[in-house]
């Protein structure tokens, strides 16, 4: 992992970018994982959110499932009102 970070750091330097190691985080998959680059300790985490999806090191998705159910419940309740309502014709509901 240290070699990968050094490779990224060198590649970014070549194109004029700077890799901020204080903001860099690495997901921890092993109990004892310490990653250093140029004498700086890189922050390790056990889970993080990527594009609003929580990612954990053990692939446990119970939290994500509960979140999606809680977000979809109000939408389904609104659809139930439309389906049971008399304002919309049956042909429109089925199409």
PDB file of N, CA and C in Angstrom:
ATOM      1  N   UNK A   1       0.826  -1.180   0.000  1.00  0.00           N
ATOM      2  CA  UNK A   1       0.000   0.000   0.000  1.00  0.00           C
ATOM      3  C   UNK A   1       0.875   1.251   0.000  1.00  0.00           C
ATOM      4  N   UNK A   2       1.959   1.197   0.751  1.00  0.00           N
ATOM      5  CA  UNK A   2       2.875   2.348   0.789  1.00  0.00           C
ATOM      6  C   UNK A   2       3.453   2.617  -0.598  1.00  0.00           C
ATOM      7  N   UNK A   3       3.774   1.542  -1.333  1.00  0.00           N
ATOM      8  CA  UNK A   3       4.312   1.712  -2.681  1.00  0.00           C
ATOM      9  C   UNK A   3       3.277   2.341  -3.606  1.00  0.00           C
ATOM     10  N   UNK A   4       2.019   1.960  -3.457  1.00  0.00           N
ATOM     11  CA  UNK A   4       0.951   2.529  -4.271  1.00  0.00           C
ATOM     12  C   UNK A   4       0.789   4.019  -3.990  1.00  0.00           C
ATOM     13  N   UNK A   5       0.841   4.398  -2.736  1.00  0.00           N
ATOM     14  CA  UNK A   5       0.720   5.810  -2.372  1.00  0.00           C
ATOM     15  C   UNK A   5       1.911   6.608  -2.906  1.00  0.00           C
ATOM     16  N   UNK A   6       3.114   6.027  -2.829  1.00  0.00           N
ATOM     17  CA  UNK A   6       4.294   6.703  -3.382  1.00  0.00           C
ATOM     18  C   UNK A   6       4.159   6.877  -4.889  1.00  0.00           C
ATOM     19  N   UNK A   7       3.625   5.861  -5.567  1.00  0.00           N
ATOM     20  CA  UNK A   7       3.426   5.934  -7.016  1.00  0.00           C
ATOM     21  C   UNK A   7       2.436   7.041  -7.372  1.00  0.00           C
ATOM     22  N   UNK A   8       1.326   7.119  -6.635  1.00  0.00           N
ATOM     23  CA  UNK A   8       0.337   8.172  -6.878  1.00  0.00           C
ATOM     24  C   UNK A   8       0.938   9.537  -6.596  1.00  0.00           C
ATOM     25  N   UNK A   9       1.688   9.642  -5.519  1.00  0.00           N
ATOM     26  CA  UNK A   9       2.302  10.918  -5.152  1.00  0.00           C
ATOM     27  C   UNK A   9       3.286  11.379  -6.224  1.00  0.00           C
ATOM     28  N   UNK A  10       4.101  10.466  -6.739  1.00  0.00           N
ATOM     29  CA  UNK A  10       5.059  10.815  -7.791  1.00  0.00           C
ATOM     30  C   UNK A  10       4.352  11.185  -9.093  1.00  0.00           C
ATOM     31  N   UNK A  11       3.285  10.463  -9.419  1.00  0.00           N
ATOM     32  CA  UNK A  11       2.539  10.756 -10.648  1.00  0.00           C
ATOM     33  C   UNK A  11       1.874  12.123 -10.577  1.00  0.00           C
ATOM     34  N   UNK A  12       1.345  12.462  -9.415  1.00  0.00           N
ATOM     35  CA  UNK A  12       0.702  13.770  -9.283  1.00  0.00           C
ATOM     36  C   UNK A  12       1.734  14.893  -9.329  1.00  0.00           C
ATOM     37  N   UNK A  13       2.924  14.637  -8.801  1.00  0.00           N
ATOM     38  CA  UNK A  13       3.985  15.658  -8.846  1.00  0.00           C
ATOM     39  C   UNK A  13       4.389  15.953 -10.290  1.00  0.00           C
ATOM     40  N   UNK A  14       4.443  14.888 -11.106  1.00  0.00           N
ATOM     41  CA  UNK A  14       4.856  15.057 -12.500  1.00  0.00           C
ATOM     42  C   UNK A  14       3.928  15.981 -13.276  1.00  0.00           C
ATOM     43  N   UNK A  15       2.646  15.962 -12.938  1.00  0.00           N
ATOM     44  CA  UNK A  15       1.690  16.812 -13.667  1.00  0.00           C
ATOM     45  C   UNK A  15       1.383  18.100 -12.915  1.00  0.00           C
ATOM     46  N   UNK A  16       2.116  18.351 -11.832  1.00  0.00           N
ATOM     47  CA  UNK A  16       1.983  19.615 -11.127  1.00  0.00           C
ATOM     48  C   UNK A  16       0.914  19.636 -10.050  1.00  0.00           C
ATOM     49  N   UNK A  17       0.483  18.485  -9.589  1.00  0.00           N
ATOM     50  CA  UNK A  17      -0.507  18.413  -8.513  1.00  0.00           C
ATOM     51  C   UNK A  17       0.176  18.012  -7.215  1.00  0.00           C
ATOM     52  N   UNK A  18      -0.527  18.211  -6.111  1.00  0.00           N
ATOM     53  CA  UNK A  18       0.008  17.894  -4.796  1.00  0.00           C
ATOM     54  C   UNK A  18      -0.964  16.973  -4.074  1.00  0.00           C
ATOM     55  N   UNK A  19      -0.487  15.852  -3.562  1.00  0.00           N
ATOM     56  CA  UNK A  19      -1.302  14.916  -2.797  1.00  0.00           C
ATOM     57  C   UNK A  19      -1.239  15.316  -1.329  1.00  0.00           C
ATOM     58  N   UNK A  20      -2.367  15.751  -0.788  1.00  0.00           N
ATOM     59  CA  UNK A  20      -2.434  16.182   0.600  1.00  0.00           C
ATOM     60  C   UNK A  20      -2.608  14.953   1.492  1.00  0.00           C
ATOM     61  N   UNK A  21      -1.551  14.536   2.160  1.00  0.00           N
ATOM     62  CA  UNK A  21      -1.594  13.323   2.968  1.00  0.00           C
ATOM     63  C   UNK A  21      -2.403  13.510   4.252  1.00  0.00           C
ATOM     64  N   UNK A  22      -2.599  14.748   4.697  1.00  0.00           N
ATOM     65  CA  UNK A  22      -3.412  14.959   5.891  1.00  0.00           C
ATOM     66  C   UNK A  22      -4.891  14.703   5.606  1.00  0.00           C
ATOM     67  N   UNK A  23      -5.329  14.879   4.358  1.00  0.00           N
ATOM     68  CA  UNK A  23      -6.716  14.629   3.983  1.00  0.00           C
ATOM     69  C   UNK A  23      -6.923  13.239   3.388  1.00  0.00           C
ATOM     70  N   UNK A  24      -5.851  12.517   3.151  1.00  0.00           N
ATOM     71  CA  UNK A  24      -5.931  11.196   2.550  1.00  0.00           C
ATOM     72  C   UNK A  24      -6.322  10.164   3.605  1.00  0.00           C
ATOM     73  N   UNK A  25      -7.292   9.317   3.264  1.00  0.00           N
ATOM     74  CA  UNK A  25      -7.680   8.233   4.162  1.00  0.00           C
ATOM     75  C   UNK A  25      -7.622   6.912   3.411  1.00  0.00           C
ATOM     76  N   UNK A  26      -7.318   5.861   4.141  1.00  0.00           N
ATOM     77  CA  UNK A  26      -7.228   4.522   3.590  1.00  0.00           C
ATOM     78  C   UNK A  26      -8.132   3.620   4.406  1.00  0.00           C
ATOM     79  N   UNK A  27      -8.899   2.751   3.732  1.00  0.00           N
ATOM     80  CA  UNK A  27      -9.767   1.840   4.468  1.00  0.00           C
ATOM     81  C   UNK A  27      -8.935   0.718   5.079  1.00  0.00           C
ATOM     82  N   UNK A  28      -9.219   0.441   6.317  1.00  0.00           N
ATOM     83  CA  UNK A  28      -8.495  -0.551   7.089  1.00  0.00           C
ATOM     84  C   UNK A  28      -9.165  -1.915   6.915  1.00  0.00           C
ATOM     85  N   UNK A  29      -8.424  -2.914   6.419  1.00  0.00           N
ATOM     86  CA  UNK A  29      -8.958  -4.263   6.288  1.00  0.00           C
ATOM     87  C   UNK A  29      -8.301  -5.240   7.256  1.00  0.00           C
ATOM     88  N   UNK A  30      -7.198  -4.860   7.823  1.00  0.00           N
ATOM     89  CA  UNK A  30      -6.501  -5.699   8.796  1.00  0.00           C
ATOM     90  C   UNK A  30      -6.477  -4.965  10.130  1.00  0.00           C
ATOM     91  N   UNK A  31      -6.330  -5.725  11.197  1.00  0.00           N
ATOM     92  CA  UNK A  31      -6.327  -5.115  12.538  1.00  0.00           C
ATOM     93  C   UNK A  31      -5.162  -4.153  12.718  1.00  0.00           C
ATOM     94  N   UNK A  32      -3.977  -4.592  12.371  1.00  0.00           N
ATOM     95  CA  UNK A  32      -2.796  -3.755  12.571  1.00  0.00           C
ATOM     96  C   UNK A  32      -2.314  -3.260  11.221  1.00  0.00           C
ATOM     97  N   UNK A  33      -2.739  -2.069  10.876  1.00  0.00           N
ATOM     98  CA  UNK A  33      -2.358  -1.495   9.600  1.00  0.00           C
ATOM     99  C   UNK A  33      -1.924  -0.061   9.822  1.00  0.00           C
ATOM    100  N   UNK A  34      -0.654   0.171   9.689  1.00  0.00           N
ATOM    101  CA  UNK A  34      -0.115   1.526   9.791  1.00  0.00           C
ATOM    102  C   UNK A  34       0.584   1.841   8.480  1.00  0.00           C
ATOM    103  N   UNK A  35       0.149   2.897   7.835  1.00  0.00           N
ATOM    104  CA  UNK A  35       0.717   3.272   6.550  1.00  0.00           C
ATOM    105  C   UNK A  35       1.386   4.623   6.697  1.00  0.00           C
ATOM    106  N   UNK A  36       2.614   4.686   6.255  1.00  0.00           N
ATOM    107  CA  UNK A  36       3.394   5.918   6.320  1.00  0.00           C
ATOM    108  C   UNK A  36       3.858   6.289   4.918  1.00  0.00           C
ATOM    109  N   UNK A  37       3.927   7.574   4.670  1.00  0.00           N
ATOM    110  CA  UNK A  37       4.499   8.075   3.427  1.00  0.00           C
ATOM    111  C   UNK A  37       5.306   9.327   3.762  1.00  0.00           C
ATOM    112  N   UNK A  38       6.560   9.281   3.458  1.00  0.00           N
ATOM    113  CA  UNK A  38       7.492  10.375   3.769  1.00  0.00           C
ATOM    114  C   UNK A  38       7.454  10.739   5.247  1.00  0.00           C
ATOM    115  N   UNK A  39       7.357   9.734   6.113  1.00  0.00           N
ATOM    116  CA  UNK A  39       7.351   9.960   7.547  1.00  0.00           C
ATOM    117  C   UNK A  39       6.018  10.404   8.117  1.00  0.00           C
ATOM    118  N   UNK A  40       4.997  10.598   7.276  1.00  0.00           N
ATOM    119  CA  UNK A  40       3.678  11.015   7.752  1.00  0.00           C
ATOM    120  C   UNK A  40       2.764   9.800   7.848  1.00  0.00           C
ATOM    121  N   UNK A  41       2.035   9.715   8.951  1.00  0.00           N
ATOM    122  CA  UNK A  41       1.081   8.634   9.149  1.00  0.00           C
ATOM    123  C   UNK A  41      -0.200   8.965   8.381  1.00  0.00           C
ATOM    124  N   UNK A  42      -0.663   8.019   7.560  1.00  0.00           N
ATOM    125  CA  UNK A  42      -1.882   8.228   6.777  1.00  0.00           C
ATOM    126  C   UNK A  42      -3.062   7.705   7.576  1.00  0.00           C
ATOM    127  N   UNK A  43      -4.119   8.494   7.622  1.00  0.00           N
ATOM    128  CA  UNK A  43      -5.311   8.163   8.394  1.00  0.00           C
ATOM    129  C   UNK A  43      -5.966   6.893   7.847  1.00  0.00           C
ATOM    130  N   UNK A  44      -6.245   5.929   8.731  1.00  0.00           N
ATOM    131  CA  UNK A  44      -6.937   4.705   8.334  1.00  0.00           C
ATOM    132  C   UNK A  44      -8.327   4.705   8.957  1.00  0.00           C
ATOM    133  N   UNK A  45      -9.314   4.249   8.197  1.00  0.00           N
ATOM    134  CA  UNK A  45     -10.694   4.199   8.659  1.00  0.00           C
ATOM    135  C   UNK A  45     -11.234   2.788   8.461  1.00  0.00           C
ATOM    136  N   UNK A  46     -12.311   2.454   9.197  1.00  0.00           N
ATOM    137  CA  UNK A  46     -12.919   1.134   9.028  1.00  0.00           C
ATOM    138  C   UNK A  46     -14.151   1.182   8.134  1.00  0.00           C
ATOM    139  N   UNK A  47     -14.698   2.392   7.905  1.00  0.00           N
ATOM    140  CA  UNK A  47     -15.796   2.551   6.949  1.00  0.00           C
ATOM    141  C   UNK A  47     -15.843   3.993   6.481  1.00  0.00           C
ATOM    142  N   UNK A  48     -16.428   4.199   5.305  1.00  0.00           N
ATOM    143  CA  UNK A  48     -16.590   5.547   4.777  1.00  0.00           C
ATOM    144  C   UNK A  48     -17.737   5.555   3.781  1.00  0.00           C
ATOM    145  N   UNK A  49     -18.174   6.737   3.402  1.00  0.00           N
ATOM    146  CA  UNK A  49     -19.248   6.892   2.422  1.00  0.00           C
ATOM    147  C   UNK A  49     -18.646   7.264   1.079  1.00  0.00           C
ATOM    148  N   UNK A  50     -19.021   6.508   0.061  1.00  0.00           N
ATOM    149  CA  UNK A  50     -18.584   6.781  -1.299  1.00  0.00           C
ATOM    150  C   UNK A  50     -19.819   6.917  -2.168  1.00  0.00           C
ATOM    151  N   UNK A  51     -20.057   8.102  -2.698  1.00  0.00           N
ATOM    152  CA  UNK A  51     -21.247   8.388  -3.494  1.00  0.00           C
ATOM    153  C   UNK A  51     -22.513   8.012  -2.739  1.00  0.00           C
ATOM    154  N   UNK A  52     -22.591   8.421  -1.503  1.00  0.00           N
ATOM    155  CA  UNK A  52     -23.726   8.274  -0.584  1.00  0.00           C
ATOM    156  C   UNK A  52     -23.936   6.818  -0.136  1.00  0.00           C
ATOM    157  N   UNK A  53     -23.084   5.897  -0.521  1.00  0.00           N
ATOM    158  CA  UNK A  53     -23.206   4.508  -0.107  1.00  0.00           C
ATOM    159  C   UNK A  53     -22.142   4.215   0.938  1.00  0.00           C
ATOM    160  N   UNK A  54     -22.556   3.786   2.145  1.00  0.00           N
ATOM    161  CA  UNK A  54     -21.542   3.449   3.152  1.00  0.00           C
ATOM    162  C   UNK A  54     -20.824   2.156   2.783  1.00  0.00           C
ATOM    163  N   UNK A  55     -19.513   2.207   2.813  1.00  0.00           N
ATOM    164  CA  UNK A  55     -18.687   1.043   2.507  1.00  0.00           C
ATOM    165  C   UNK A  55     -17.956   0.658   3.778  1.00  0.00           C
ATOM    166  N   UNK A  56     -18.082  -0.612   4.165  1.00  0.00           N
ATOM    167  CA  UNK A  56     -17.399  -1.100   5.360  1.00  0.00           C
ATOM    168  C   UNK A  56     -16.369  -2.142   4.963  1.00  0.00           C
ATOM    169  N   UNK A  57     -15.422  -2.375   5.851  1.00  0.00           N
ATOM    170  CA  UNK A  57     -14.371  -3.329   5.530  1.00  0.00           C
ATOM    171  C   UNK A  57     -14.845  -4.783   5.594  1.00  0.00           C
ATOM    172  N   UNK A  58     -16.002  -5.038   6.199  1.00  0.00           N
ATOM    173  CA  UNK A  58     -16.529  -6.404   6.254  1.00  0.00           C
ATOM    174  C   UNK A  58     -17.714  -6.614   5.321  1.00  0.00           C
ATOM    175  N   UNK A  59     -17.993  -5.644   4.442  1.00  0.00           N
ATOM    176  CA  UNK A  59     -19.075  -5.703   3.456  1.00  0.00           C
ATOM    177  C   UNK A  59     -20.442  -5.878   4.091  1.00  0.00           C
ATOM    178  N   UNK A  60     -20.634  -5.329   5.267  1.00  0.00           N
ATOM    179  CA  UNK A  60     -21.913  -5.411   5.967  1.00  0.00           C
ATOM    180  C   UNK A  60     -22.788  -4.269   5.480  1.00  0.00           C
ATOM    181  N   UNK A  61     -23.950  -4.583   4.905  1.00  0.00           N
ATOM    182  CA  UNK A  61     -24.775  -3.564   4.267  1.00  0.00           C
ATOM    183  C   UNK A  61     -26.098  -3.334   4.987  1.00  0.00           C
ATOM    184  N   UNK A  62     -26.226  -3.764   6.212  1.00  0.00           N
ATOM    185  CA  UNK A  62     -27.476  -3.594   6.940  1.00  0.00           C
ATOM    186  C   UNK A  62     -27.848  -2.115   7.075  1.00  0.00           C
ATOM    187  N   UNK A  63     -26.875  -1.275   7.343  1.00  0.00           N
ATOM    188  CA  UNK A  63     -27.119   0.161   7.483  1.00  0.00           C
ATOM    189  C   UNK A  63     -27.655   0.748   6.173  1.00  0.00           C
ATOM    190  N   UNK A  64     -27.071   0.351   5.059  1.00  0.00           N
ATOM    191  CA  UNK A  64     -27.516   0.846   3.753  1.00  0.00           C
ATOM    192  C   UNK A  64     -28.930   0.357   3.447  1.00  0.00           C
ATOM    193  N   UNK A  65     -29.231  -0.883   3.777  1.00  0.00           N
ATOM    194  CA  UNK A  65     -30.569  -1.428   3.534  1.00  0.00           C
ATOM    195  C   UNK A  65     -31.612  -0.665   4.330  1.00  0.00           C
ATOM    196  N   UNK A  66     -31.351  -0.419   5.603  1.00  0.00           N
ATOM    197  CA  UNK A  66     -32.288   0.336   6.439  1.00  0.00           C
ATOM    198  C   UNK A  66     -32.488   1.749   5.897  1.00  0.00           C
ATOM    199  N   UNK A  67     -31.413   2.362   5.424  1.00  0.00           N
ATOM    200  CA  UNK A  67     -31.495   3.715   4.900  1.00  0.00           C
ATOM    201  C   UNK A  67     -32.366   3.751   3.641  1.00  0.00           C
ATOM    202  N   UNK A  68     -32.179   2.794   2.739  1.00  0.00           N
ATOM    203  CA  UNK A  68     -32.959   2.762   1.500  1.00  0.00           C
ATOM    204  C   UNK A  68     -34.432   2.476   1.771  1.00  0.00           C
ATOM    205  N   UNK A  69     -34.719   1.613   2.735  1.00  0.00           N
ATOM    206  CA  UNK A  69     -36.109   1.331   3.090  1.00  0.00           C
ATOM    207  C   UNK A  69     -36.762   2.573   3.661  1.00  0.00           C
ATOM    208  N   UNK A  70     -36.051   3.287   4.532  1.00  0.00           N
ATOM    209  CA  UNK A  70     -36.634   4.495   5.131  1.00  0.00           C
ATOM    210  C   UNK A  70     -36.857   5.587   4.094  1.00  0.00           C
ATOM    211  N   UNK A  71     -36.032   5.632   3.044  1.00  0.00           N
ATOM    212  CA  UNK A  71     -36.228   6.619   1.985  1.00  0.00           C
ATOM    213  C   UNK A  71     -37.364   6.237   1.036  1.00  0.00           C
ATOM    214  N   UNK A  72     -37.573   4.947   0.836  1.00  0.00           N
ATOM    215  CA  UNK A  72     -38.599   4.515  -0.112  1.00  0.00           C
ATOM    216  C   UNK A  72     -39.992   4.432   0.509  1.00  0.00           C
ATOM    217  N   UNK A  73     -40.080   4.326   1.808  1.00  0.00           N
ATOM    218  CA  UNK A  73     -41.377   4.177   2.461  1.00  0.00           C
ATOM    219  C   UNK A  73     -42.324   5.341   2.169  1.00  0.00           C
ATOM    220  N   UNK A  74     -41.902   6.618   2.303  1.00  0.00           N
ATOM    221  CA  UNK A  74     -42.827   7.716   1.979  1.00  0.00           C
ATOM    222  C   UNK A  74     -43.263   7.708   0.511  1.00  0.00           C
ATOM    223  N   UNK A  75     -42.373   7.345  -0.386  1.00  0.00           N
ATOM    224  CA  UNK A  75     -42.732   7.292  -1.808  1.00  0.00           C
ATOM    225  C   UNK A  75     -43.787   6.221  -2.066  1.00  0.00           C
ATOM    226  N   UNK A  76     -43.637   5.075  -1.431  1.00  0.00           N
ATOM    227  CA  UNK A  76     -44.628   4.005  -1.597  1.00  0.00           C
ATOM    228  C   UNK A  76     -45.966   4.407  -0.993  1.00  0.00           C
ATOM    229  N   UNK A  77     -45.961   5.129   0.109  1.00  0.00           N
ATOM    230  CA  UNK A  77     -47.216   5.586   0.709  1.00  0.00           C
ATOM    231  C   UNK A  77     -47.934   6.544  -0.229  1.00  0.00           C
ATOM    232  N   UNK A  78     -47.186   7.411  -0.907  1.00  0.00           N
ATOM    233  CA  UNK A  78     -47.795   8.318  -1.881  1.00  0.00           C
ATOM    234  C   UNK A  78     -48.374   7.552  -3.066  1.00  0.00           C
ATOM    235  N   UNK A  79     -47.667   6.517  -3.521  1.00  0.00           N
ATOM    236  CA  UNK A  79     -48.188   5.707  -4.623  1.00  0.00           C
ATOM    237  C   UNK A  79     -49.460   4.969  -4.205  1.00  0.00           C
ATOM    238  N   UNK A  80     -49.520   4.507  -2.959  1.00  0.00           N
ATOM    239  CA  UNK A  80     -50.708   3.818  -2.471  1.00  0.00           C
ATOM    240  C   UNK A  80     -51.913   4.749  -2.499  1.00  0.00           C
ATOM    241  N   UNK A  81     -51.705   5.996  -2.138  1.00  0.00           N
ATOM    242  CA  UNK A  81     -52.792   6.975  -2.189  1.00  0.00           C
ATOM    243  C   UNK A  81     -53.295   7.162  -3.616  1.00  0.00           C
ATOM    244  N   UNK A  82     -52.379   7.192  -4.572  1.00  0.00           N
ATOM    245  CA  UNK A  82     -52.760   7.374  -5.973  1.00  0.00           C
ATOM    246  C   UNK A  82     -53.503   6.142  -6.484  1.00  0.00           C
ATOM    247  N   UNK A  83     -53.002   4.955  -6.159  1.00  0.00           N
ATOM    248  CA  UNK A  83     -53.614   3.718  -6.643  1.00  0.00           C
ATOM    249  C   UNK A  83     -55.022   3.539  -6.075  1.00  0.00           C
ATOM    250  N   UNK A  84     -55.187   3.843  -4.816  1.00  0.00           N
ATOM    251  CA  UNK A  84     -56.492   3.674  -4.178  1.00  0.00           C
ATOM    252  C   UNK A  84     -57.443   4.833  -4.461  1.00  0.00           C
ATOM    253  N   UNK A  85     -56.912   5.962  -4.907  1.00  0.00           N
ATOM    254  CA  UNK A  85     -57.735   7.143  -5.146  1.00  0.00           C
ATOM    255  C   UNK A  85     -58.618   6.996  -6.377  1.00  0.00           C
ATOM    256  N   UNK A  86     -59.668   7.776  -6.417  1.00  0.00           N
ATOM    257  CA  UNK A  86     -60.613   7.735  -7.531  1.00  0.00           C
ATOM    258  C   UNK A  86     -60.350   8.842  -8.544  1.00  0.00           C
ATOM    259  N   UNK A  87     -59.397   9.727  -8.282  1.00  0.00           N
ATOM    260  CA  UNK A  87     -59.135  10.849  -9.162  1.00  0.00           C
ATOM    261  C   UNK A  87     -58.487  10.402 -10.493  1.00  0.00           C
ATOM    262  N   UNK A  88     -57.735   9.315 -10.451  1.00  0.00           N
ATOM    263  CA  UNK A  88     -57.042   8.834 -11.639  1.00  0.00           C
ATOM    264  C   UNK A  88     -57.766   7.594 -12.164  1.00  0.00           C
ATOM    265  N   UNK A  89     -57.969   7.549 -13.478  1.00  0.00           N
ATOM    266  CA  UNK A  89     -58.697   6.408 -14.060  1.00  0.00           C
ATOM    267  C   UNK A  89     -57.885   5.128 -13.985  1.00  0.00           C
ATOM    268  N   UNK A  90     -58.564   3.994 -14.062  1.00  0.00           N
ATOM    269  CA  UNK A  90     -57.913   2.687 -14.004  1.00  0.00           C
ATOM    270  C   UNK A  90     -56.970   2.498 -15.182  1.00  0.00           C
ATOM    271  N   UNK A  91     -57.338   2.979 -16.355  1.00  0.00           N
ATOM    272  CA  UNK A  91     -56.478   2.851 -17.534  1.00  0.00           C
ATOM    273  C   UNK A  91     -55.147   3.579 -17.339  1.00  0.00           C
ATOM    274  N   UNK A  92     -55.196   4.742 -16.716  1.00  0.00           N
ATOM    275  CA  UNK A  92     -53.968   5.483 -16.451  1.00  0.00           C
ATOM    276  C   UNK A  92     -53.106   4.769 -15.424  1.00  0.00           C
ATOM    277  N   UNK A  93     -53.722   4.190 -14.416  1.00  0.00           N
ATOM    278  CA  UNK A  93     -52.984   3.477 -13.379  1.00  0.00           C
ATOM    279  C   UNK A  93     -52.278   2.248 -13.924  1.00  0.00           C
ATOM    280  N   UNK A  94     -52.880   1.578 -14.897  1.00  0.00           N
ATOM    281  CA  UNK A  94     -52.312   0.350 -15.441  1.00  0.00           C
ATOM    282  C   UNK A  94     -51.297   0.589 -16.552  1.00  0.00           C
ATOM    283  N   UNK A  95     -51.285   1.762 -17.130  1.00  0.00           N
ATOM    284  CA  UNK A  95     -50.347   1.997 -18.241  1.00  0.00           C
ATOM    285  C   UNK A  95     -49.008   2.477 -17.767  1.00  0.00           C
TER     286      UNK A  95
END
